[in-house]
C-alpha atoms as a PDB file:
ATOM      1  CA  MET A   1     -17.067 -65.651 -52.955  1.00  0.00           C
ATOM      2  CA  ALA A   2     -13.501 -64.161 -54.346  1.00  0.00           C
ATOM      3  CA  ILE A   3     -15.224 -60.892 -55.118  1.00  0.00           C
ATOM      4  CA  LEU A   4     -16.908 -60.143 -51.888  1.00  0.00           C
ATOM      5  CA  ILE A   5     -13.533 -61.084 -50.179  1.00  0.00           C
ATOM      6  CA  PHE A   6     -11.599 -58.578 -52.625  1.00  0.00           C
ATOM      7  CA  PHE A   7     -14.226 -55.861 -52.168  1.00  0.00           C
ATOM      8  CA  VAL A   8     -14.518 -56.070 -48.258  1.00  0.00           C
ATOM      9  CA  ALA A   9     -10.708 -56.131 -48.236  1.00  0.00           C
ATOM     10  CA  HIS A  10     -10.064 -53.448 -50.417  1.00  0.00           C
ATOM     11  CA  TYR A  11     -12.723 -51.362 -48.766  1.00  0.00           C
ATOM     12  CA  TYR A  12     -11.339 -51.992 -44.809  1.00  0.00           C
ATOM     13  CA  LEU A  13      -7.431 -51.940 -46.090  1.00  0.00           C
ATOM     14  CA  SER A  14      -8.198 -48.547 -48.016  1.00  0.00           C
ATOM     15  CA  LEU A  15     -10.187 -47.269 -44.759  1.00  0.00           C
ATOM     16  CA  PHE A  16      -7.502 -48.194 -42.667  1.00  0.00           C
ATOM     17  CA  THR A  17      -4.850 -46.429 -44.335  1.00  0.00           C
ATOM     18  CA  GLN A  18      -7.177 -43.385 -44.433  1.00  0.00           C
ATOM     19  CA  THR A  19      -7.581 -43.609 -40.632  1.00  0.00           C
ATOM     20  CA  PHE A  20      -4.031 -44.649 -39.560  1.00  0.00           C
ATOM     21  CA  TYR A  21      -1.871 -43.066 -41.900  1.00  0.00           C
ATOM     22  CA  LEU A  22      -3.337 -39.988 -43.435  1.00  0.00           C
ATOM     23  CA  HIS A  23      -5.479 -38.821 -40.446  1.00  0.00           C
ATOM     24  CA  ARG A  24      -3.941 -39.663 -37.346  1.00  0.00           C
ATOM     25  CA  TYR A  25      -0.482 -40.027 -38.310  1.00  0.00           C
ATOM     26  CA  ALA A  26       0.004 -37.178 -41.054  1.00  0.00           C
ATOM     27  CA  ALA A  27      -2.713 -34.668 -39.977  1.00  0.00           C
ATOM     28  CA  HIS A  28      -2.111 -34.955 -36.205  1.00  0.00           C
ATOM     29  CA  LYS A  29       0.844 -36.979 -35.678  1.00  0.00           C
ATOM     30  CA  MET A  30      -0.965 -38.886 -32.744  1.00  0.00           C
ATOM     31  CA  PHE A  31       2.307 -41.095 -33.130  1.00  0.00           C
ATOM     32  CA  THR A  32       5.600 -41.298 -34.356  1.00  0.00           C
ATOM     33  CA  MET A  33       7.713 -43.588 -36.461  1.00  0.00           C
ATOM     34  CA  ASN A  34      10.973 -44.088 -38.081  1.00  0.00           C
ATOM     35  CA  LYS A  35      11.582 -42.908 -41.581  1.00  0.00           C
ATOM     36  CA  PHE A  36      11.828 -46.686 -42.822  1.00  0.00           C
ATOM     37  CA  TRP A  37       8.038 -47.359 -41.332  1.00  0.00           C
ATOM     38  CA  GLU A  38       7.111 -43.786 -42.670  1.00  0.00           C
ATOM     39  CA  LYS A  39       7.737 -44.681 -46.323  1.00  0.00           C
ATOM     40  CA  ALA A  40       6.591 -48.037 -45.705  1.00  0.00           C
ATOM     41  CA  PHE A  41       3.236 -47.309 -44.884  1.00  0.00           C
ATOM     42  CA  PHE A  42       3.029 -44.323 -47.395  1.00  0.00           C
ATOM     43  CA  LEU A  43       3.629 -46.915 -50.082  1.00  0.00           C
ATOM     44  CA  PHE A  44       1.018 -49.371 -48.425  1.00  0.00           C
ATOM     45  CA  THR A  45      -1.542 -46.069 -48.641  1.00  0.00           C
ATOM     46  CA  TYR A  46      -0.906 -45.757 -52.303  1.00  0.00           C
ATOM     47  CA  ILE A  47      -1.194 -49.569 -53.130  1.00  0.00           C
ATOM     48  CA  CYS A  48      -4.258 -49.941 -50.746  1.00  0.00           C
ATOM     49  CA  GLN A  49      -6.513 -46.775 -51.832  1.00  0.00           C
ATOM     50  CA  GLY A  50      -4.977 -47.462 -55.617  1.00  0.00           C
ATOM     51  CA  SER A  51      -6.979 -45.465 -58.358  1.00  0.00           C
ATOM     52  CA  SER A  52      -8.299 -43.112 -55.246  1.00  0.00           C
ATOM     53  CA  PHE A  53      -5.051 -42.373 -53.835  1.00  0.00           C
ATOM     54  CA  LEU A  54      -5.152 -39.273 -51.571  1.00  0.00           C
ATOM     55  CA  SER A  55      -1.765 -37.220 -51.202  1.00  0.00           C
ATOM     56  CA  PRO A  56      -0.991 -37.472 -47.267  1.00  0.00           C
ATOM     57  CA  ARG A  57       0.010 -33.802 -47.585  1.00  0.00           C
ATOM     58  CA  ALA A  58      -2.883 -32.262 -49.147  1.00  0.00           C
ATOM     59  CA  TYR A  59      -5.151 -34.453 -46.878  1.00  0.00           C
ATOM     60  CA  ALA A  60      -3.115 -33.078 -43.815  1.00  0.00           C
ATOM     61  CA  LEU A  61      -3.618 -29.571 -44.832  1.00  0.00           C
ATOM     62  CA  LEU A  62      -7.514 -30.020 -45.316  1.00  0.00           C
ATOM     63  CA  HIS A  63      -7.995 -32.012 -42.200  1.00  0.00           C
ATOM     64  CA  ARG A  64      -6.186 -28.906 -40.206  1.00  0.00           C
ATOM     65  CA  MET A  65      -8.374 -26.521 -42.036  1.00  0.00           C
ATOM     66  CA  HIS A  66     -11.558 -28.595 -41.258  1.00  0.00           C
ATOM     67  CA  HIS A  67     -10.450 -28.483 -37.322  1.00  0.00           C
ATOM     68  CA  ALA A  68      -9.563 -24.962 -37.382  1.00  0.00           C
ATOM     69  CA  TYR A  69     -12.851 -23.818 -39.190  1.00  0.00           C
ATOM     70  CA  SER A  70     -15.205 -26.737 -38.257  1.00  0.00           C
ATOM     71  CA  ASP A  71     -18.603 -26.210 -39.753  1.00  0.00           C
ATOM     72  CA  THR A  72     -17.921 -22.703 -40.900  1.00  0.00           C
ATOM     73  CA  GLU A  73     -18.046 -21.512 -44.538  1.00  0.00           C
ATOM     74  CA  LEU A  74     -14.386 -21.896 -44.502  1.00  0.00           C
ATOM     75  CA  ASP A  75     -14.394 -25.680 -43.719  1.00  0.00           C
ATOM     76  CA  PRO A  76     -12.952 -27.473 -46.754  1.00  0.00           C
ATOM     77  CA  HIS A  77     -15.786 -30.158 -46.442  1.00  0.00           C
ATOM     78  CA  SER A  78     -18.598 -29.330 -43.635  1.00  0.00           C
ATOM     79  CA  PRO A  79     -22.280 -30.584 -44.910  1.00  0.00           C
ATOM     80  CA  HIS A  80     -24.164 -27.672 -43.744  1.00  0.00           C
ATOM     81  CA  PHE A  81     -23.087 -25.581 -46.455  1.00  0.00           C
ATOM     82  CA  SER A  82     -23.938 -28.185 -49.480  1.00  0.00           C
ATOM     83  CA  ASN A  83     -27.204 -29.730 -50.688  1.00  0.00           C
ATOM     84  CA  ASN A  84     -26.361 -33.225 -50.208  1.00  0.00           C
ATOM     85  CA  ALA A  85     -23.471 -35.444 -50.169  1.00  0.00           C
ATOM     86  CA  PHE A  86     -22.127 -35.237 -53.674  1.00  0.00           C
ATOM     87  CA  ASP A  87     -22.345 -31.541 -53.672  1.00  0.00           C
ATOM     88  CA  MET A  88     -19.831 -31.413 -50.252  1.00  0.00           C
ATOM     89  CA  MET A  89     -17.380 -33.917 -52.066  1.00  0.00           C
ATOM     90  CA  TRP A  90     -17.319 -32.098 -55.384  1.00  0.00           C
ATOM     91  CA  LYS A  91     -16.257 -28.999 -53.582  1.00  0.00           C
ATOM     92  CA  THR A  92     -13.851 -30.558 -51.339  1.00  0.00           C
ATOM     93  CA  LYS A  93     -12.422 -32.130 -54.441  1.00  0.00           C
ATOM     94  CA  ASN A  94     -11.931 -28.460 -56.033  1.00  0.00           C
ATOM     95  CA  ILE A  95      -9.983 -27.566 -52.808  1.00  0.00           C
ATOM     96  CA  TYR A  96      -8.244 -30.521 -52.358  1.00  0.00           C
ATOM     97  CA  ASN A  97      -6.763 -30.036 -56.169  1.00  0.00           C
ATOM     98  CA  ASP A  98      -6.235 -26.587 -55.389  1.00  0.00           C
ATOM     99  CA  VAL A  99      -3.954 -27.568 -51.799  1.00  0.00           C
ATOM    100  CA  LEU A 100      -2.165 -30.128 -53.700  1.00  0.00           C
ATOM    101  CA  ASN A 101      -1.112 -27.877 -56.400  1.00  0.00           C
ATOM    102  CA  HIS A 102      -0.198 -25.240 -54.057  1.00  0.00           C
ATOM    103  CA  ASN A 103      -2.767 -22.927 -55.380  1.00  0.00           C
ATOM    104  CA  HIS A 104      -4.667 -22.631 -51.778  1.00  0.00           C
ATOM    105  CA  GLU A 105      -3.138 -19.719 -49.582  1.00  0.00           C
ATOM    106  CA  LEU A 106      -5.245 -20.509 -46.820  1.00  0.00           C
ATOM    107  CA  ALA A 107      -4.217 -23.789 -46.420  1.00  0.00           C
ATOM    108  CA  THR A 108      -0.136 -22.603 -46.125  1.00  0.00           C
ATOM    109  CA  ARG A 109      -1.047 -21.616 -42.634  1.00  0.00           C
ATOM    110  CA  PHE A 110      -1.019 -25.388 -41.598  1.00  0.00           C
ATOM    111  CA  GLU A 111       2.061 -26.545 -43.224  1.00  0.00           C
ATOM    112  CA  GLY A 112       4.289 -28.428 -41.184  1.00  0.00           C
ATOM    113  CA  ASP A 113       5.520 -32.042 -39.834  1.00  0.00           C
ATOM    114  CA  ILE A 114       3.998 -33.566 -42.511  1.00  0.00           C
ATOM    115  CA  PRO A 115       5.119 -37.087 -44.568  1.00  0.00           C
ATOM    116  CA  GLU A 116       6.118 -36.536 -48.214  1.00  0.00           C
ATOM    117  CA  TRP A 117       7.345 -38.732 -50.675  1.00  0.00           C
ATOM    118  CA  LYS A 118       7.315 -36.656 -53.982  1.00  0.00           C
ATOM    119  CA  LEU A 119       8.054 -39.801 -56.308  1.00  0.00           C
ATOM    120  CA  ILE A 120       4.843 -41.966 -54.771  1.00  0.00           C
ATOM    121  CA  GLU A 121       2.460 -38.490 -54.431  1.00  0.00           C
ATOM    122  CA  ASN A 122       3.247 -37.725 -58.252  1.00  0.00           C
ATOM    123  CA  ILE A 123       2.969 -41.126 -59.447  1.00  0.00           C
ATOM    124  CA  GLY A 124      -0.698 -41.777 -57.454  1.00  0.00           C
ATOM    125  CA  ASP A 125      -2.089 -38.488 -58.449  1.00  0.00           C
ATOM    126  CA  LYS A 126      -1.558 -39.005 -62.116  1.00  0.00           C
ATOM    127  CA  TRP A 127      -4.176 -40.211 -64.823  1.00  0.00           C
ATOM    128  CA  TYR A 128      -2.409 -43.132 -65.729  1.00  0.00           C
ATOM    129  CA  SER A 129      -1.884 -44.568 -62.257  1.00  0.00           C
ATOM    130  CA  ARG A 130      -5.670 -44.298 -61.354  1.00  0.00           C
ATOM    131  CA  LEU A 131      -6.493 -45.880 -64.490  1.00  0.00           C
ATOM    132  CA  ALA A 132      -4.204 -48.741 -64.360  1.00  0.00           C
ATOM    133  CA  TRP A 133      -5.375 -49.447 -61.123  1.00  0.00           C
ATOM    134  CA  GLY A 134      -9.056 -49.154 -62.139  1.00  0.00           C
ATOM    135  CA  THR A 135      -8.064 -51.322 -65.009  1.00  0.00           C
ATOM    136  CA  ALA A 136      -6.615 -54.055 -62.495  1.00  0.00           C
ATOM    137  CA  TYR A 137     -10.212 -53.880 -60.629  1.00  0.00           C
ATOM    138  CA  VAL A 138     -12.176 -54.502 -63.742  1.00  0.00           C
ATOM    139  CA  LEU A 139      -9.665 -57.334 -64.932  1.00  0.00           C
ATOM    140  CA  PHE A 140     -10.196 -59.145 -61.243  1.00  0.00           C
ATOM    141  CA  TYR A 141     -14.274 -58.841 -61.506  1.00  0.00           C
ATOM    142  CA  ILE A 142     -13.890 -60.139 -65.505  1.00  0.00           C
ATOM    143  CA  ASN A 143     -12.029 -63.427 -63.719  1.00  0.00           C
ATOM    144  CA  PHE A 144     -14.047 -63.780 -60.639  1.00  0.00           C
ATOM    145  CA  ALA A 145     -17.430 -62.517 -61.123  1.00  0.00           C
ATOM    146  CA  THR A 146     -20.308 -64.764 -61.040  1.00  0.00           C
ATOM    147  CA  ALA A 147     -23.335 -62.339 -61.248  1.00  0.00           C
ATOM    148  CA  TRP A 148     -23.989 -59.419 -63.172  1.00  0.00           C
ATOM    149  CA  TRP A 149     -24.808 -57.410 -60.124  1.00  0.00           C
ATOM    150  CA  GLN A 150     -21.507 -57.560 -58.841  1.00  0.00           C
ATOM    151  CA  TYR A 151     -20.164 -55.283 -61.142  1.00  0.00           C
ATOM    152  CA  LEU A 152     -22.061 -52.596 -59.943  1.00  0.00           C
ATOM    153  CA  LEU A 153     -19.377 -52.652 -56.834  1.00  0.00           C
ATOM    154  CA  LEU A 154     -16.885 -51.240 -59.126  1.00  0.00           C
ATOM    155  CA  PRO A 155     -17.265 -47.780 -59.072  1.00  0.00           C
ATOM    156  CA  ILE A 156     -17.046 -47.970 -55.122  1.00  0.00           C
ATOM    157  CA  HIS A 157     -13.372 -49.560 -55.714  1.00  0.00           C
ATOM    158  CA  PHE A 158     -12.785 -46.670 -58.070  1.00  0.00           C
ATOM    159  CA  LEU A 159     -13.586 -43.949 -55.722  1.00  0.00           C
ATOM    160  CA  MET A 160     -12.918 -45.624 -52.479  1.00  0.00           C
ATOM    161  CA  GLY A 161     -11.209 -42.840 -50.911  1.00  0.00           C
ATOM    162  CA  PRO A 162     -13.789 -40.013 -51.499  1.00  0.00           C
ATOM    163  CA  ILE A 163     -16.308 -42.273 -50.208  1.00  0.00           C
ATOM    164  CA  HIS A 164     -14.853 -42.830 -46.925  1.00  0.00           C
ATOM    165  CA  GLY A 165     -14.449 -38.995 -46.609  1.00  0.00           C
ATOM    166  CA  ALA A 166     -18.231 -38.509 -47.703  1.00  0.00           C
ATOM    167  CA  ILE A 167     -19.224 -41.126 -45.159  1.00  0.00           C
ATOM    168  CA  VAL A 168     -17.556 -39.261 -42.235  1.00  0.00           C
ATOM    169  CA  ASN A 169     -18.235 -35.867 -43.250  1.00  0.00           C
ATOM    170  CA  TRP A 170     -21.651 -35.983 -44.060  1.00  0.00           C
ATOM    171  CA  GLY A 171     -22.665 -38.513 -41.093  1.00  0.00           C
ATOM    172  CA  GLY A 172     -20.190 -37.341 -38.601  1.00  0.00           C
ATOM    173  CA  HIS A 173     -21.281 -33.752 -38.908  1.00  0.00           C
ATOM    174  CA  LYS A 174     -25.302 -34.559 -39.176  1.00  0.00           C
ATOM    175  CA  TYR A 175     -26.583 -37.618 -37.862  1.00  0.00           C
ATOM    176  CA  GLY A 176     -25.854 -38.991 -33.951  1.00  0.00           C
ATOM    177  CA  TYR A 177     -25.242 -37.928 -30.400  1.00  0.00           C
ATOM    178  CA  GLN A 178     -22.756 -35.302 -28.687  1.00  0.00           C
ATOM    179  CA  ASN A 179     -20.777 -36.129 -25.752  1.00  0.00           C
ATOM    180  CA  PHE A 180     -18.905 -32.711 -25.846  1.00  0.00           C
ATOM    181  CA  ASP A 181     -20.461 -29.093 -26.907  1.00  0.00           C
ATOM    182  CA  ASN A 182     -17.309 -28.314 -29.245  1.00  0.00           C
ATOM    183  CA  ASN A 183     -19.351 -24.812 -30.645  1.00  0.00           C
ATOM    184  CA  ASP A 184     -19.811 -26.879 -33.823  1.00  0.00           C
ATOM    185  CA  LYS A 185     -22.358 -29.472 -35.337  1.00  0.00           C
ATOM    186  CA  SER A 186     -19.613 -32.872 -34.789  1.00  0.00           C
ATOM    187  CA  MET A 187     -21.464 -36.060 -33.886  1.00  0.00           C
ATOM    188  CA  ASN A 188     -20.891 -39.065 -33.178  1.00  0.00           C
ATOM    189  CA  THR A 189     -22.235 -41.443 -35.577  1.00  0.00           C
ATOM    190  CA  LEU A 190     -22.186 -44.723 -33.611  1.00  0.00           C
ATOM    191  CA  ALA A 191     -25.100 -46.624 -35.900  1.00  0.00           C
ATOM    192  CA  LEU A 192     -22.616 -46.539 -38.868  1.00  0.00           C
ATOM    193  CA  ASP A 193     -19.272 -46.473 -37.666  1.00  0.00           C
ATOM    194  CA  PHE A 194     -18.716 -50.390 -38.728  1.00  0.00           C
ATOM    195  CA  LEU A 195     -18.338 -48.438 -41.869  1.00  0.00           C
ATOM    196  CA  ALA A 196     -15.584 -45.921 -40.726  1.00  0.00           C
ATOM    197  CA  PHE A 197     -13.402 -47.838 -38.261  1.00  0.00           C
ATOM    198  CA  GLY A 198     -13.674 -45.378 -35.391  1.00  0.00           C
ATOM    199  CA  GLU A 199     -13.514 -42.255 -37.689  1.00  0.00           C
ATOM    200  CA  LEU A 200     -17.486 -41.376 -36.678  1.00  0.00           C
ATOM    201  CA  PHE A 201     -16.596 -40.458 -33.329  1.00  0.00           C
ATOM    202  CA  GLN A 202     -16.326 -36.979 -34.896  1.00  0.00           C
ATOM    203  CA  ASN A 203     -17.677 -35.247 -31.541  1.00  0.00           C
ATOM    204  CA  ASN A 204     -15.268 -36.878 -29.263  1.00  0.00           C
ATOM    205  CA  HIS A 205     -12.332 -36.189 -31.821  1.00  0.00           C
ATOM    206  CA  HIS A 206     -13.180 -32.907 -32.252  1.00  0.00           C
ATOM    207  CA  LYS A 207     -13.215 -32.424 -28.503  1.00  0.00           C
ATOM    208  CA  LEU A 208      -9.803 -34.426 -27.959  1.00  0.00           C
ATOM    209  CA  PRO A 209      -7.931 -34.056 -31.403  1.00  0.00           C
ATOM    210  CA  MET A 210      -4.648 -35.382 -30.269  1.00  0.00           C
ATOM    211  CA  ARG A 211      -6.717 -38.515 -28.022  1.00  0.00           C
ATOM    212  CA  VAL A 212      -5.357 -41.616 -30.064  1.00  0.00           C
ATOM    213  CA  ASN A 213      -8.527 -43.596 -29.022  1.00  0.00           C
ATOM    214  CA  PHE A 214     -11.518 -41.759 -30.522  1.00  0.00           C
ATOM    215  CA  GLY A 215     -14.033 -43.567 -28.174  1.00  0.00           C
ATOM    216  CA  VAL A 216     -14.312 -41.787 -25.000  1.00  0.00           C
ATOM    217  CA  LYS A 217     -17.211 -43.822 -23.257  1.00  0.00           C
ATOM    218  CA  TRP A 218     -16.897 -47.615 -22.365  1.00  0.00           C
ATOM    219  CA  TRP A 219     -19.197 -48.566 -25.144  1.00  0.00           C
ATOM    220  CA  GLU A 220     -17.488 -46.642 -27.775  1.00  0.00           C
ATOM    221  CA  PHE A 221     -15.271 -49.264 -29.855  1.00  0.00           C
ATOM    222  CA  ASP A 222     -12.541 -47.826 -31.881  1.00  0.00           C
ATOM    223  CA  PRO A 223     -11.030 -50.646 -33.929  1.00  0.00           C
ATOM    224  CA  THR A 224      -8.070 -48.302 -35.107  1.00  0.00           C
ATOM    225  CA  TYR A 225      -6.935 -48.043 -31.762  1.00  0.00           C
ATOM    226  CA  VAL A 226      -6.621 -51.668 -31.337  1.00  0.00           C
ATOM    227  CA  ALA A 227      -4.073 -51.898 -34.447  1.00  0.00           C
ATOM    228  CA  ILE A 228      -2.207 -48.803 -32.987  1.00  0.00           C
ATOM    229  CA  TRP A 229      -1.783 -50.083 -29.603  1.00  0.00           C
ATOM    230  CA  GLY A 230      -0.559 -53.203 -30.807  1.00  0.00           C
ATOM    231  CA  LEU A 231       1.973 -51.460 -33.279  1.00  0.00           C
ATOM    232  CA  ASP A 232       2.920 -49.655 -30.469  1.00  0.00           C
ATOM    233  CA  LYS A 233       3.516 -52.608 -28.103  1.00  0.00           C
ATOM    234  CA  ILE A 234       5.927 -54.244 -30.776  1.00  0.00           C
ATOM    235  CA  GLY A 235       7.949 -50.980 -31.287  1.00  0.00           C
ATOM    236  CA  ILE A 236       6.737 -50.130 -35.161  1.00  0.00           C
ATOM    237  CA  ILE A 237       5.238 -46.647 -33.529  1.00  0.00           C
ATOM    238  CA  LYS A 238       5.352 -44.819 -30.605  1.00  0.00           C
ATOM    239  CA  VAL A 239       1.938 -43.385 -29.305  1.00  0.00           C
ATOM    240  CA  LYS A 240       2.436 -39.376 -27.656  1.00  0.00           C
ATOM    241  CA  ARG A 241       0.502 -38.941 -24.491  1.00  0.00           C
ATOM    242  CA  LYS A 242      -0.560 -42.507 -23.661  1.00  0.00           C
ATOM    243  CA  ASN A 243      -1.837 -42.246 -20.091  1.00  0.00           C
ATOM    244  CA  MET A 244      -3.562 -39.116 -19.863  1.00  0.00           C
ATOM    245  CA  ASN A 245      -7.120 -38.758 -18.589  1.00  0.00           C
ATOM    246  CA  LEU A 246     -10.053 -36.838 -20.287  1.00  0.00           C
ATOM    247  CA  ASN A 247      -9.428 -33.665 -18.312  1.00  0.00           C
ATOM    248  CA  THR A 248      -5.677 -33.677 -19.213  1.00  0.00           C
ATOM    249  CA  MET A 249      -6.336 -34.414 -22.708  1.00  0.00           C
ATOM    250  CA  SER A 250      -9.066 -31.675 -23.078  1.00  0.00           C
ATOM    251  CA  LYS A 251      -6.495 -28.970 -21.727  1.00  0.00           C
ATOM    252  CA  LEU A 252      -4.152 -30.124 -24.781  1.00  0.00           C
ATOM    253  CA  ALA A 253      -6.843 -30.007 -27.145  1.00  0.00           C
ATOM    254  CA  LYS A 254      -6.299 -27.478 -29.699  1.00  0.00           C
ATOM    255  CA  PRO A 255      -7.960 -24.201 -28.945  1.00  0.00           C
ATOM    256  CA  LYS A 256     -11.283 -22.927 -30.369  1.00  0.00           C
ATOM    257  CA  ARG A 257     -11.460 -22.508 -34.118  1.00  0.00           C
ATOM    258  CA  GLU A 258     -10.296 -19.133 -35.583  1.00  0.00           C
ATOM    259  CA  ALA A 259     -13.165 -16.771 -36.578  1.00  0.00           C
ATOM    260  CA  VAL A 260     -14.128 -17.289 -39.949  1.00  0.00           C
ATOM    261  CA  ALA A 261     -13.196 -13.560 -40.619  1.00  0.00           C
ATOM    262  CA  ALA A 262      -9.667 -14.193 -39.501  1.00  0.00           C
END
């Protein structure tokens, strides 16, 4: 039971920080927060992601590139230019490392208004930090595992962030249905969204990239939006553009992606 609780807690806390902080805050700035809470959630993201910590800056730049070049050859993680999910994520890892180390010229076009905390970013990316977190997971399993097969969950702990990315980017651009024609392959993969906290409403999100609630139909439930709504109500964050209808938000959506030749 302890292993199951730990696994589920790690999975969904890591997922929450990825969609709430890295995606909706760092990449899109759908809401604002003061510097104290920005640092608090930055540190919370590091703790929750642990061995698979992703730099908010690098994540934000990759994601902005993804929107600008969705499902073209310049998209850093389109499944339509990879043989499988592992191939896609390996390519993404290489691009991520280039962006992280300021070696990706195209990414510089998307700089600006991104939370940065160099101390935590530097620690989080170091091998000793990743090894320390991985060791902590292993020690927890040694103390609480009650069956050999439970150890098979450890690789998921080690690679939690990339696994979330693979689920969203592979599934959300290959399987499901479309509410909007976005001139790309984005889909709403409702059947798998219990693994993604709203992230698999990719078709909706690509149409309305500043809409904080990724669901648009009455039956499309975005769990992360509930948390954002609550944090806004108690004053920790301030949501932008709260009361706009779909037509208004569609006009505010980013223009069509730049041509691949740009």
